[in-house]
Protein backbone atom coordinates (compact mmCIF):
# COMPACT_ATOMS: atom_id res chain seq x y z
CA MET A 1 -14.92 3.30 -7.43
CA LYS A 2 -14.57 -0.42 -6.75
CA PRO A 3 -10.93 -1.63 -6.59
CA ILE A 4 -9.77 -3.98 -9.31
CA ASN A 5 -9.19 -7.60 -8.32
CA ILE A 6 -5.72 -7.83 -9.81
CA LYS A 7 -5.25 -11.56 -9.28
CA ALA A 8 -8.51 -12.34 -11.05
CA MET A 9 -7.70 -9.97 -13.91
CA MET A 10 -4.23 -11.48 -14.37
CA ALA A 11 -5.68 -14.99 -14.35
CA LEU A 12 -8.28 -14.03 -16.97
CA VAL A 13 -5.69 -12.44 -19.24
CA GLU A 14 -3.21 -15.31 -18.88
CA LYS A 15 -5.88 -18.01 -19.50
CA GLU A 16 -7.16 -16.43 -22.71
CA PRO A 17 -5.95 -18.04 -25.90
CA GLY A 18 -3.18 -16.19 -27.71
CA ASP A 19 -5.46 -15.01 -30.52
CA GLN A 20 -8.00 -13.45 -28.15
CA TYR A 21 -5.83 -10.40 -27.57
CA ILE A 22 -3.23 -8.80 -29.76
CA PRO A 23 -0.02 -10.38 -28.34
CA VAL A 24 1.49 -6.97 -27.53
CA LEU A 25 -1.64 -5.90 -25.70
CA LYS A 26 -1.64 -9.05 -23.58
CA SER A 27 1.92 -8.44 -22.36
CA VAL A 28 1.14 -4.78 -21.70
CA LEU A 29 -1.93 -5.75 -19.66
CA ILE A 30 0.13 -8.16 -17.55
CA GLN A 31 2.78 -5.49 -17.01
CA ILE A 32 0.19 -2.89 -15.96
CA LEU A 33 -1.54 -5.28 -13.58
CA THR A 34 1.80 -6.26 -12.04
CA GLU A 35 2.73 -2.63 -11.54
CA ILE A 36 -0.62 -1.87 -9.91
CA LYS A 37 -0.09 -4.81 -7.55
CA GLN A 38 3.36 -3.51 -6.58
CA LEU A 39 2.04 0.02 -6.04
CA ARG A 40 -0.76 -1.26 -3.81
CA ARG A 41 1.78 -3.20 -1.73
CA LYS A 42 4.02 -0.13 -1.42
CA ASN A 43 1.05 2.05 -0.48
CA SER A 44 0.08 -0.43 2.23
CA GLN A 45 3.62 -0.44 3.62
CA LEU A 46 3.67 3.37 3.71
CA GLY A 47 0.35 3.38 5.56
CA GLU A 48 1.75 0.99 8.16
CA LYS A 49 4.86 3.15 8.57
CA ALA A 50 2.77 6.32 8.99
CA ALA A 51 0.62 4.63 11.65
CA ARG A 52 3.75 3.53 13.54
CA TYR A 53 5.14 7.07 13.43
CA ARG A 54 1.83 8.45 14.76
CA ARG A 55 1.90 5.99 17.68
CA GLU A 56 5.53 6.88 18.48
CA LYS A 57 4.74 10.60 18.26
CA ASN A 58 1.81 10.22 20.66
CA ALA A 59 3.95 8.25 23.10
CA LEU A 60 6.69 10.89 22.96
CA GLU A 61 4.18 13.70 23.49
CA ILE A 62 2.81 11.91 26.56
CA MET A 63 6.32 11.42 27.93
CA LEU A 64 7.19 15.06 27.21
CA SER A 65 4.06 16.32 28.95
CA ALA A 66 4.93 14.19 32.01
CA VAL A 67 8.42 15.72 32.10
CA VAL A 68 7.05 19.25 31.78
CA ILE A 69 4.52 18.63 34.58
CA ASN A 70 7.26 17.22 36.84
CA ASP A 71 9.50 20.23 36.15
CA ASP A 72 6.68 22.59 37.13
CA VAL A 73 6.28 20.83 40.50
CA GLU A 74 9.91 21.38 41.53
C-alpha cells in the first residue's frame, strides 16, 4: 500500500472552496490528517530509539564478552 502524502492531502482539502465538502467533513479530514502526521512522527522517533538501544546492546555484549574472555585467561 502506498503511503499517503499528508501535506498534499491537507493542502488539497484546505484549498477547496467551503461548499465543496460538508463543513463538518472538512474539519474532520484535517483532524485525521493531522493525527496521522503526528503518529508517523512518533513512529519514526520510536524506530530511532529502538535502533539506538540495539547499538548499545551490541556494544555492551562485546564488552561483556571481552571481560569473560579476560577472566578465563587468569
